[in-house]
PDB file of N, CA and C in Angstrom:
ATOM      1  N   MET A   1      -1.043  -3.858 -29.128  1.00  0.00           N
ATOM      2  CA  MET A   1      -0.249  -4.705 -28.355  1.00  0.00           C
ATOM      3  C   MET A   1      -1.071  -4.761 -27.524  1.00  0.00           C
ATOM      4  N   LYS A   2      -1.940  -6.192 -27.442  1.00  0.00           N
ATOM      5  CA  LYS A   2      -2.804  -6.514 -26.396  1.00  0.00           C
ATOM      6  C   LYS A   2      -1.565  -7.562 -24.472  1.00  0.00           C
ATOM      7  N   PHE A   3      -1.758  -6.630 -24.133  1.00  0.00           N
ATOM      8  CA  PHE A   3      -1.106  -7.498 -22.855  1.00  0.00           C
ATOM      9  C   PHE A   3      -1.786  -8.925 -22.246  1.00  0.00           C
ATOM     10  N   ARG A   4      -1.079  -9.835 -22.104  1.00  0.00           N
ATOM     11  CA  ARG A   4      -1.878 -11.165 -21.972  1.00  0.00           C
ATOM     12  C   ARG A   4      -1.084 -11.264 -20.570  1.00  0.00           C
ATOM     13  N   SER A   5      -2.044 -11.399 -19.748  1.00  0.00           N
ATOM     14  CA  SER A   5      -1.490 -11.771 -18.656  1.00  0.00           C
ATOM     15  C   SER A   5      -0.518 -12.581 -18.200  1.00  0.00           C
ATOM     16  N   SER A   6      -0.016 -13.484 -17.674  1.00  0.00           N
ATOM     17  CA  SER A   6       0.329 -14.925 -17.496  1.00  0.00           C
ATOM     18  C   SER A   6       0.191 -15.241 -16.086  1.00  0.00           C
ATOM     19  N   SER A   7       0.180 -16.679 -15.664  1.00  0.00           N
ATOM     20  CA  SER A   7       0.171 -17.263 -14.065  1.00  0.00           C
ATOM     21  C   SER A   7       1.719 -16.956 -13.955  1.00  0.00           C
ATOM     22  N   ASP A   8       2.058 -15.965 -12.722  1.00  0.00           N
ATOM     23  CA  ASP A   8       3.136 -17.192 -11.994  1.00  0.00           C
ATOM     24  C   ASP A   8       2.831 -16.395 -10.291  1.00  0.00           C
ATOM     25  N   TRP A   9       3.859 -15.960  -9.692  1.00  0.00           N
ATOM     26  CA  TRP A   9       4.384 -15.941  -8.570  1.00  0.00           C
ATOM     27  C   TRP A   9       3.516 -14.582  -8.546  1.00  0.00           C
ATOM     28  N   ARG A  10       3.858 -13.319  -9.076  1.00  0.00           N
ATOM     29  CA  ARG A  10       3.127 -12.166  -8.702  1.00  0.00           C
ATOM     30  C   ARG A  10       1.783 -11.767  -8.605  1.00  0.00           C
ATOM     31  N   GLU A  11       1.100 -12.695  -9.061  1.00  0.00           N
ATOM     32  CA  GLU A  11      -0.805 -12.757  -9.092  1.00  0.00           C
ATOM     33  C   GLU A  11      -0.928 -12.962  -7.473  1.00  0.00           C
ATOM     34  N   ALA A  12      -0.647 -13.741  -6.948  1.00  0.00           N
ATOM     35  CA  ALA A  12      -0.940 -13.677  -5.714  1.00  0.00           C
ATOM     36  C   ALA A  12      -0.332 -12.826  -4.663  1.00  0.00           C
ATOM     37  N   LEU A  13       0.072 -11.827  -4.819  1.00  0.00           N
ATOM     38  CA  LEU A  13      -0.046 -10.938  -4.107  1.00  0.00           C
ATOM     39  C   LEU A  13      -0.389  -9.582  -4.177  1.00  0.00           C
ATOM     40  N   ALA A  14      -0.701  -9.131  -3.026  1.00  0.00           N
ATOM     41  CA  ALA A  14      -1.642  -8.003  -2.550  1.00  0.00           C
ATOM     42  C   ALA A  14      -1.151  -6.950  -2.938  1.00  0.00           C
ATOM     43  N   PHE A  15      -1.920  -5.570  -3.532  1.00  0.00           N
ATOM     44  CA  PHE A  15      -1.474  -4.625  -4.353  1.00  0.00           C
ATOM     45  C   PHE A  15      -0.956  -3.490  -2.505  1.00  0.00           C
ATOM     46  N   GLU A  16       0.349  -2.790  -2.882  1.00  0.00           N
ATOM     47  CA  GLU A  16       0.839  -1.870  -1.781  1.00  0.00           C
ATOM     48  C   GLU A  16       1.296  -2.538  -0.105  1.00  0.00           C
ATOM     49  N   THR A  17       1.467  -4.301  -0.436  1.00  0.00           N
ATOM     50  CA  THR A  17       1.182  -4.711   0.802  1.00  0.00           C
ATOM     51  C   THR A  17       2.822  -5.615   1.240  1.00  0.00           C
ATOM     52  N   PRO A  18       4.140  -4.969   2.184  1.00  0.00           N
ATOM     53  CA  PRO A  18       4.842  -5.718   1.847  1.00  0.00           C
ATOM     54  C   PRO A  18       4.403  -6.925   3.073  1.00  0.00           C
ATOM     55  N   MET A  19       5.305  -7.479   2.040  1.00  0.00           N
ATOM     56  CA  MET A  19       5.743  -9.248   2.327  1.00  0.00           C
ATOM     57  C   MET A  19       6.655  -9.500   2.446  1.00  0.00           C
ATOM     58  N   LEU A  20       7.882 -10.648   2.699  1.00  0.00           N
ATOM     59  CA  LEU A  20       8.558 -11.369   3.140  1.00  0.00           C
ATOM     60  C   LEU A  20       9.259 -11.804   1.671  1.00  0.00           C
ATOM     61  N   ALA A  21      10.201 -11.451   1.383  1.00  0.00           N
ATOM     62  CA  ALA A  21      10.869 -11.946  -0.481  1.00  0.00           C
ATOM     63  C   ALA A  21      11.033 -13.740  -0.061  1.00  0.00           C
ATOM     64  N   SER A  22      11.572 -13.332   1.037  1.00  0.00           N
ATOM     65  CA  SER A  22      11.881 -15.336   1.250  1.00  0.00           C
ATOM     66  C   SER A  22      10.657 -16.315   0.714  1.00  0.00           C
ATOM     67  N   GLU A  23       9.612 -15.642   1.266  1.00  0.00           N
ATOM     68  CA  GLU A  23       8.275 -16.466   1.862  1.00  0.00           C
ATOM     69  C   GLU A  23       7.789 -16.618   0.411  1.00  0.00           C
ATOM     70  N   ILE A  24       7.757 -15.668  -0.171  1.00  0.00           N
ATOM     71  CA  ILE A  24       7.403 -15.402  -1.936  1.00  0.00           C
ATOM     72  C   ILE A  24       8.052 -16.405  -2.702  1.00  0.00           C
ATOM     73  N   VAL A  25       9.268 -15.492  -3.323  1.00  0.00           N
ATOM     74  CA  VAL A  25       9.793 -15.958  -4.015  1.00  0.00           C
ATOM     75  C   VAL A  25      11.266 -16.424  -3.757  1.00  0.00           C
ATOM     76  N   PRO A  26      11.760 -17.678  -3.052  1.00  0.00           N
ATOM     77  CA  PRO A  26      13.295 -17.904  -2.465  1.00  0.00           C
ATOM     78  C   PRO A  26      14.299 -17.652  -4.236  1.00  0.00           C
ATOM     79  N   GLY A  27      15.412 -17.511  -3.805  1.00  0.00           N
ATOM     80  CA  GLY A  27      16.566 -17.180  -5.080  1.00  0.00           C
ATOM     81  C   GLY A  27      17.571 -16.474  -4.082  1.00  0.00           C
ATOM     82  N   ASP A  28      18.346 -16.025  -5.638  1.00  0.00           N
ATOM     83  CA  ASP A  28      19.391 -15.796  -5.381  1.00  0.00           C
ATOM     84  C   ASP A  28      18.942 -13.845  -4.377  1.00  0.00           C
ATOM     85  N   PRO A  29      20.473 -14.089  -3.874  1.00  0.00           N
ATOM     86  CA  PRO A  29      20.368 -12.306  -3.221  1.00  0.00           C
ATOM     87  C   PRO A  29      20.671 -11.756  -4.048  1.00  0.00           C
ATOM     88  N   CYS A  30      19.495 -10.664  -3.997  1.00  0.00           N
ATOM     89  CA  CYS A  30      19.282  -9.194  -5.112  1.00  0.00           C
ATOM     90  C   CYS A  30      19.506  -7.979  -4.055  1.00  0.00           C
ATOM     91  N   ARG A  31      19.292  -6.647  -4.672  1.00  0.00           N
ATOM     92  CA  ARG A  31      19.088  -5.669  -4.078  1.00  0.00           C
ATOM     93  C   ARG A  31      18.056  -4.773  -4.001  1.00  0.00           C
ATOM     94  N   CYS A  32      18.375  -3.641  -2.726  1.00  0.00           N
ATOM     95  CA  CYS A  32      17.018  -2.554  -2.624  1.00  0.00           C
ATOM     96  C   CYS A  32      16.844  -2.309  -3.530  1.00  0.00           C
ATOM     97  N   VAL A  33      15.862  -1.407  -3.656  1.00  0.00           N
ATOM     98  CA  VAL A  33      15.426  -0.295  -4.983  1.00  0.00           C
ATOM     99  C   VAL A  33      16.039   1.268  -4.478  1.00  0.00           C
ATOM    100  N   GLY A  34      15.747   0.971  -3.015  1.00  0.00           N
ATOM    101  CA  GLY A  34      16.162   2.444  -2.348  1.00  0.00           C
ATOM    102  C   GLY A  34      17.492   2.732  -1.835  1.00  0.00           C
ATOM    103  N   CYS A  35      18.544   1.169  -2.067  1.00  0.00           N
ATOM    104  CA  CYS A  35      19.603   1.607  -1.753  1.00  0.00           C
ATOM    105  C   CYS A  35      20.778   1.815  -2.898  1.00  0.00           C
ATOM    106  N   ALA A  36      21.803   2.302  -2.956  1.00  0.00           N
ATOM    107  CA  ALA A  36      23.100   2.776  -4.406  1.00  0.00           C
ATOM    108  C   ALA A  36      23.308   2.026  -4.875  1.00  0.00           C
ATOM    109  N   ALA A  37      23.407   1.607  -5.561  1.00  0.00           N
ATOM    110  CA  ALA A  37      23.915   0.444  -6.560  1.00  0.00           C
ATOM    111  C   ALA A  37      25.230  -0.407  -6.366  1.00  0.00           C
ATOM    112  N   THR A  38      25.774   0.589  -5.796  1.00  0.00           N
ATOM    113  CA  THR A  38      27.072  -0.118  -5.203  1.00  0.00           C
ATOM    114  C   THR A  38      27.160  -0.771  -3.490  1.00  0.00           C
ATOM    115  N   THR A  39      25.934  -1.253  -3.279  1.00  0.00           N
ATOM    116  CA  THR A  39      26.013  -1.730  -1.881  1.00  0.00           C
ATOM    117  C   THR A  39      25.367  -3.123  -2.449  1.00  0.00           C
ATOM    118  N   ALA A  40      25.853  -4.276  -1.598  1.00  0.00           N
ATOM    119  CA  ALA A  40      25.764  -5.814  -1.237  1.00  0.00           C
ATOM    120  C   ALA A  40      24.510  -6.026  -1.432  1.00  0.00           C
ATOM    121  N   PRO A  41      24.515  -6.831  -2.164  1.00  0.00           N
ATOM    122  CA  PRO A  41      22.976  -7.483  -2.074  1.00  0.00           C
ATOM    123  C   PRO A  41      22.422  -7.714  -1.009  1.00  0.00           C
ATOM    124  N   PHE A  42      21.238  -8.007  -0.753  1.00  0.00           N
ATOM    125  CA  PHE A  42      21.006  -8.362   0.674  1.00  0.00           C
ATOM    126  C   PHE A  42      19.877 -10.027   0.046  1.00  0.00           C
ATOM    127  N   GLU A  43      19.803 -10.715   1.309  1.00  0.00           N
ATOM    128  CA  GLU A  43      19.766 -12.099   0.837  1.00  0.00           C
ATOM    129  C   GLU A  43      18.347 -11.909   0.968  1.00  0.00           C
ATOM    130  N   ARG A  44      17.319 -12.665   0.635  1.00  0.00           N
ATOM    131  CA  ARG A  44      15.661 -12.679   0.741  1.00  0.00           C
ATOM    132  C   ARG A  44      15.257 -12.476   1.720  1.00  0.00           C
ATOM    133  N   THR A  45      16.030 -12.873   2.857  1.00  0.00           N
ATOM    134  CA  THR A  45      14.960 -13.528   3.865  1.00  0.00           C
ATOM    135  C   THR A  45      15.151 -11.747   4.742  1.00  0.00           C
ATOM    136  N   ASP A  46      16.164 -11.046   3.947  1.00  0.00           N
ATOM    137  CA  ASP A  46      16.165  -9.238   4.633  1.00  0.00           C
ATOM    138  C   ASP A  46      15.746  -8.306   3.948  1.00  0.00           C
ATOM    139  N   LEU A  47      14.786  -9.249   2.657  1.00  0.00           N
ATOM    140  CA  LEU A  47      14.263  -8.063   1.873  1.00  0.00           C
ATOM    141  C   LEU A  47      12.595  -7.819   1.598  1.00  0.00           C
ATOM    142  N   TRP A  48      11.797  -6.655   1.581  1.00  0.00           N
ATOM    143  CA  TRP A  48      10.200  -7.531   1.553  1.00  0.00           C
ATOM    144  C   TRP A  48       9.665  -6.916  -0.394  1.00  0.00           C
ATOM    145  N   ALA A  49       8.796  -7.708  -1.028  1.00  0.00           N
ATOM    146  CA  ALA A  49       8.437  -7.821  -1.805  1.00  0.00           C
ATOM    147  C   ALA A  49       6.819  -6.728  -1.686  1.00  0.00           C
ATOM    148  N   VAL A  50       7.071  -6.068  -2.361  1.00  0.00           N
ATOM    149  CA  VAL A  50       5.875  -5.251  -2.431  1.00  0.00           C
ATOM    150  C   VAL A  50       5.004  -4.725  -4.101  1.00  0.00           C
ATOM    151  N   LYS A  51       4.059  -5.169  -4.447  1.00  0.00           N
ATOM    152  CA  LYS A  51       3.656  -5.144  -5.462  1.00  0.00           C
ATOM    153  C   LYS A  51       2.484  -3.936  -5.532  1.00  0.00           C
ATOM    154  N   HIS A  52       3.165  -3.022  -6.570  1.00  0.00           N
ATOM    155  CA  HIS A  52       2.608  -1.916  -6.583  1.00  0.00           C
ATOM    156  C   HIS A  52       1.691  -1.875  -7.813  1.00  0.00           C
ATOM    157  N   ARG A  53       0.742  -0.639  -7.901  1.00  0.00           N
ATOM    158  CA  ARG A  53       0.217  -0.395  -9.361  1.00  0.00           C
ATOM    159  C   ARG A  53       0.788   0.468 -10.716  1.00  0.00           C
ATOM    160  N   HIS A  54       0.571   0.002 -11.840  1.00  0.00           N
ATOM    161  CA  HIS A  54       1.266   0.464 -12.631  1.00  0.00           C
ATOM    162  C   HIS A  54       0.158   0.912 -13.740  1.00  0.00           C
ATOM    163  N   PRO A  55       0.150   2.305 -14.259  1.00  0.00           N
ATOM    164  CA  PRO A  55      -1.386   2.625 -15.141  1.00  0.00           C
ATOM    165  C   PRO A  55      -1.244   2.003 -16.113  1.00  0.00           C
ATOM    166  N   ASN A  56      -0.578   1.165 -16.979  1.00  0.00           N
ATOM    167  CA  ASN A  56      -0.627   0.877 -18.183  1.00  0.00           C
ATOM    168  C   ASN A  56      -0.524  -1.078 -17.829  1.00  0.00           C
ATOM    169  N   ASP A  57      -0.190  -1.856 -17.027  1.00  0.00           N
ATOM    170  CA  ASP A  57      -0.305  -3.100 -16.639  1.00  0.00           C
ATOM    171  C   ASP A  57      -0.448  -3.232 -15.377  1.00  0.00           C
ATOM    172  N   PRO A  58      -2.404  -3.992 -15.452  1.00  0.00           N
ATOM    173  CA  PRO A  58      -3.070  -3.986 -14.514  1.00  0.00           C
ATOM    174  C   PRO A  58      -2.535  -4.626 -13.476  1.00  0.00           C
ATOM    175  N   ALA A  59      -1.774  -6.003 -13.550  1.00  0.00           N
ATOM    176  CA  ALA A  59      -1.344  -6.591 -13.127  1.00  0.00           C
ATOM    177  C   ALA A  59       0.124  -6.137 -12.285  1.00  0.00           C
ATOM    178  N   GLY A  60       0.140  -4.984 -12.574  1.00  0.00           N
ATOM    179  CA  GLY A  60       1.358  -3.756 -11.349  1.00  0.00           C
ATOM    180  C   GLY A  60       2.500  -4.835 -11.698  1.00  0.00           C
ATOM    181  N   PHE A  61       3.235  -4.243 -11.014  1.00  0.00           N
ATOM    182  CA  PHE A  61       4.987  -4.546 -10.796  1.00  0.00           C
ATOM    183  C   PHE A  61       5.430  -4.732  -9.273  1.00  0.00           C
ATOM    184  N   VAL A  62       6.834  -5.229  -9.422  1.00  0.00           N
ATOM    185  CA  VAL A  62       7.510  -5.774  -7.816  1.00  0.00           C
ATOM    186  C   VAL A  62       8.342  -5.527  -7.812  1.00  0.00           C
ATOM    187  N   ARG A  63       8.512  -4.716  -6.778  1.00  0.00           N
ATOM    188  CA  ARG A  63      10.004  -4.341  -6.137  1.00  0.00           C
ATOM    189  C   ARG A  63      10.505  -4.980  -5.275  1.00  0.00           C
ATOM    190  N   PHE A  64      11.406  -5.071  -4.447  1.00  0.00           N
ATOM    191  CA  PHE A  64      12.216  -5.373  -3.006  1.00  0.00           C
ATOM    192  C   PHE A  64      13.006  -4.253  -2.420  1.00  0.00           C
ATOM    193  N   TYR A  65      12.386  -4.645  -1.273  1.00  0.00           N
ATOM    194  CA  TYR A  65      13.097  -3.456  -0.144  1.00  0.00           C
ATOM    195  C   TYR A  65      13.667  -3.654   0.530  1.00  0.00           C
ATOM    196  N   CYS A  66      14.894  -3.301   1.607  1.00  0.00           N
ATOM    197  CA  CYS A  66      15.394  -3.370   2.756  1.00  0.00           C
ATOM    198  C   CYS A  66      14.222  -3.714   3.463  1.00  0.00           C
ATOM    199  N   VAL A  67      15.110  -3.032   5.261  1.00  0.00           N
ATOM    200  CA  VAL A  67      14.576  -2.543   5.561  1.00  0.00           C
ATOM    201  C   VAL A  67      14.111  -1.327   5.972  1.00  0.00           C
ATOM    202  N   ALA A  68      15.298  -0.510   5.820  1.00  0.00           N
ATOM    203  CA  ALA A  68      15.428   0.726   6.206  1.00  0.00           C
ATOM    204  C   ALA A  68      14.424   1.642   4.592  1.00  0.00           C
ATOM    205  N   HIS A  69      14.675   0.531   3.989  1.00  0.00           N
ATOM    206  CA  HIS A  69      13.540   1.539   2.627  1.00  0.00           C
ATOM    207  C   HIS A  69      12.217   0.791   2.542  1.00  0.00           C
ATOM    208  N   ARG A  70      12.062  -0.193   3.565  1.00  0.00           N
ATOM    209  CA  ARG A  70      10.591  -0.154   3.270  1.00  0.00           C
ATOM    210  C   ARG A  70       8.938   0.309   3.282  1.00  0.00           C
ATOM    211  N   PRO A  71       8.281  -0.112   2.352  1.00  0.00           N
ATOM    212  CA  PRO A  71       7.165   1.313   2.081  1.00  0.00           C
ATOM    213  C   PRO A  71       6.528   1.182   3.479  1.00  0.00           C
ATOM    214  N   VAL A  72       5.961   1.730   4.176  1.00  0.00           N
ATOM    215  CA  VAL A  72       4.957   1.888   5.146  1.00  0.00           C
ATOM    216  C   VAL A  72       3.055   1.372   4.539  1.00  0.00           C
ATOM    217  N   PRO A  73       2.933  -0.036   5.083  1.00  0.00           N
ATOM    218  CA  PRO A  73       1.425  -0.762   4.691  1.00  0.00           C
ATOM    219  C   PRO A  73       0.881   0.642   5.047  1.00  0.00           C
ATOM    220  N   ALA A  74      -0.420   0.739   3.386  1.00  0.00           N
ATOM    221  CA  ALA A  74      -1.419   1.801   3.271  1.00  0.00           C
ATOM    222  C   ALA A  74      -2.518   1.090   4.309  1.00  0.00           C
ATOM    223  N   SER A  75      -3.261   1.713   5.275  1.00  0.00           N
ATOM    224  CA  SER A  75      -3.897   1.640   6.427  1.00  0.00           C
ATOM    225  C   SER A  75      -5.542   2.127   5.246  1.00  0.00           C
ATOM    226  N   ALA A  76      -6.178   1.700   5.935  1.00  0.00           N
ATOM    227  CA  ALA A  76      -8.059   1.853   5.680  1.00  0.00           C
ATOM    228  C   ALA A  76      -7.618   3.674   5.370  1.00  0.00           C
ATOM    229  N   ALA A  77      -7.147   4.440   3.488  1.00  0.00           N
ATOM    230  CA  ALA A  77      -7.714   5.377   3.638  1.00  0.00           C
ATOM    231  C   ALA A  77      -8.749   6.093   4.170  1.00  0.00           C
ATOM    232  N   VAL A  78      -8.818   6.830   4.961  1.00  0.00           N
ATOM    233  CA  VAL A  78      -9.798   7.933   5.443  1.00  0.00           C
ATOM    234  C   VAL A  78     -10.139   9.140   3.846  1.00  0.00           C
ATOM    235  N   ALA A  79     -11.487   8.690   3.641  1.00  0.00           N
ATOM    236  CA  ALA A  79     -11.826   9.720   2.414  1.00  0.00           C
ATOM    237  C   ALA A  79     -11.588  11.488   3.057  1.00  0.00           C
ATOM    238  N   PRO A  80     -11.271  12.730   1.976  1.00  0.00           N
ATOM    239  CA  PRO A  80     -10.724  13.346   2.678  1.00  0.00           C
ATOM    240  C   PRO A  80     -12.124  13.976   2.367  1.00  0.00           C
ATOM    241  N   VAL A  81     -13.055  14.902   3.385  1.00  0.00           N
ATOM    242  CA  VAL A  81     -14.077  15.183   3.446  1.00  0.00           C
ATOM    243  C   VAL A  81     -14.303  16.400   3.092  1.00  0.00           C
ATOM    244  N   GLY A  82     -15.527  16.660   1.917  1.00  0.00           N
ATOM    245  CA  GLY A  82     -15.851  17.791   1.223  1.00  0.00           C
ATOM    246  C   GLY A  82     -15.990  19.074   2.004  1.00  0.00           C
ATOM    247  N   ARG A  83     -16.398  19.877   0.964  1.00  0.00           N
ATOM    248  CA  ARG A  83     -17.339  21.132   1.763  1.00  0.00           C
ATOM    249  C   ARG A  83     -18.967  20.620   1.837  1.00  0.00           C
ATOM    250  N   ARG A  84     -19.448  19.722   1.255  1.00  0.00           N
ATOM    251  CA  ARG A  84     -20.856  19.247   1.465  1.00  0.00           C
ATOM    252  C   ARG A  84     -20.893  18.791   2.773  1.00  0.00           C
ATOM    253  N   GLU A  85     -19.655  18.153   3.210  1.00  0.00           N
ATOM    254  CA  GLU A  85     -19.552  16.230   3.784  1.00  0.00           C
ATOM    255  C   GLU A  85     -19.272  16.814   5.191  1.00  0.00           C
ATOM    256  N   THR A  86     -18.663  18.725   5.711  1.00  0.00           N
ATOM    257  CA  THR A  86     -18.372  18.936   6.162  1.00  0.00           C
ATOM    258  C   THR A  86     -19.408  20.009   7.245  1.00  0.00           C
ATOM    259  N   ALA A  87     -20.524  20.456   5.814  1.00  0.00           N
ATOM    260  CA  ALA A  87     -22.369  20.999   6.335  1.00  0.00           C
ATOM    261  C   ALA A  87     -22.633  20.240   6.918  1.00  0.00           C
ATOM    262  N   ARG A  88     -22.615  19.056   6.434  1.00  0.00           N
ATOM    263  CA  ARG A  88     -23.660  18.478   7.057  1.00  0.00           C
ATOM    264  C   ARG A  88     -23.264  17.974   8.714  1.00  0.00           C
ATOM    265  N   LEU A  89     -21.845  17.865   8.671  1.00  0.00           N
ATOM    266  CA  LEU A  89     -21.462  17.105  10.105  1.00  0.00           C
ATOM    267  C   LEU A  89     -21.872  18.228  10.887  1.00  0.00           C
ATOM    268  N   GLU A  90     -21.342  19.499  10.389  1.00  0.00           N
ATOM    269  CA  GLU A  90     -21.749  20.909  11.676  1.00  0.00           C
ATOM    270  C   GLU A  90     -23.271  20.992  11.805  1.00  0.00           C
ATOM    271  N   ARG A  91     -24.113  20.735  10.785  1.00  0.00           N
ATOM    272  CA  ARG A  91     -25.578  20.746  11.053  1.00  0.00           C
ATOM    273  C   ARG A  91     -25.837  19.369  12.071  1.00  0.00           C
ATOM    274  N   ALA A  92     -25.788  18.013  11.560  1.00  0.00           N
ATOM    275  CA  ALA A  92     -25.715  17.511  12.698  1.00  0.00           C
ATOM    276  C   ALA A  92     -25.028  17.620  14.256  1.00  0.00           C
ATOM    277  N   HIS A  93     -24.000  18.092  14.848  1.00  0.00           N
ATOM    278  CA  HIS A  93     -23.672  18.433  15.635  1.00  0.00           C
ATOM    279  C   HIS A  93     -24.175  19.480  16.171  1.00  0.00           C
ATOM    280  N   VAL A  94     -24.817  20.792  15.762  1.00  0.00           N
ATOM    281  CA  VAL A  94     -26.067  21.643  15.830  1.00  0.00           C
ATOM    282  C   VAL A  94     -26.898  20.834  16.824  1.00  0.00           C
ATOM    283  N   VAL A  95     -27.715  20.123  15.868  1.00  0.00           N
ATOM    284  CA  VAL A  95     -29.252  19.429  16.149  1.00  0.00           C
ATOM    285  C   VAL A  95     -28.859  18.844  17.816  1.00  0.00           C
ATOM    286  N   ALA A  96     -27.830  18.429  17.460  1.00  0.00           N
ATOM    287  CA  ALA A  96     -27.796  17.088  18.471  1.00  0.00           C
ATOM    288  C   ALA A  96     -27.313  17.872  19.727  1.00  0.00           C
ATOM    289  N   GLN A  97     -26.724  19.182  19.824  1.00  0.00           N
ATOM    290  CA  GLN A  97     -26.435  19.724  20.989  1.00  0.00           C
ATOM    291  C   GLN A  97     -27.693  20.163  21.721  1.00  0.00           C
ATOM    292  N   ALA A  98     -28.837  21.049  20.316  1.00  0.00           N
ATOM    293  CA  ALA A  98     -30.013  21.199  20.938  1.00  0.00           C
ATOM    294  C   ALA A  98     -31.051  20.551  21.356  1.00  0.00           C
ATOM    295  N   LEU A  99     -31.134  19.205  21.074  1.00  0.00           N
ATOM    296  CA  LEU A  99     -31.539  18.311  21.489  1.00  0.00           C
ATOM    297  C   LEU A  99     -30.845  17.626  22.766  1.00  0.00           C
ATOM    298  N   ALA A 100     -30.113  17.874  23.168  1.00  0.00           N
ATOM    299  CA  ALA A 100     -28.771  17.666  24.216  1.00  0.00           C
ATOM    300  C   ALA A 100     -29.971  18.503  25.099  1.00  0.00           C
ATOM    301  N   GLY A 101     -29.870  19.855  24.803  1.00  0.00           N
ATOM    302  CA  GLY A 101     -30.043  20.803  25.491  1.00  0.00           C
ATOM    303  C   GLY A 101     -31.256  20.463  26.326  1.00  0.00           C
ATOM    304  N   ARG A 102     -32.288  20.308  24.930  1.00  0.00           N
ATOM    305  CA  ARG A 102     -33.633  20.307  25.571  1.00  0.00           C
ATOM    306  C   ARG A 102     -33.858  19.495  26.088  1.00  0.00           C
ATOM    307  N   ASN A 103     -33.765  17.951  26.495  1.00  0.00           N
ATOM    308  CA  ASN A 103     -33.502  17.319  27.526  1.00  0.00           C
ATOM    309  C   ASN A 103     -33.460  17.139  28.839  1.00  0.00           C
ATOM    310  N   GLN A 104     -32.174  18.689  28.988  1.00  0.00           N
ATOM    311  CA  GLN A 104     -31.994  18.422  30.254  1.00  0.00           C
ATOM    312  C   GLN A 104     -33.030  19.658  30.894  1.00  0.00           C
TER     313      GLN A 104
END
């Protein structure tokens, strides 16, 4: 089976970026995925929509969160520093110290 992407409001959302649900898709009140199923639905003005990546669907999926359960937006992630990079940075630091000592 092939997935065919359809054009809808979800395509306009950026991945892992919380956006106010009332601005994206107005509608009836709905529930937060983090709250218990017995809680009352929230108005769309009180919910955040977040588009998450999905391993089998390149379009991803959208979930609604209340303020208490809203995920923190992912900032620019720093790549982990490996052993090779650490060694290079240490050598650069030693060289910089040697040059600074020589110029004094």
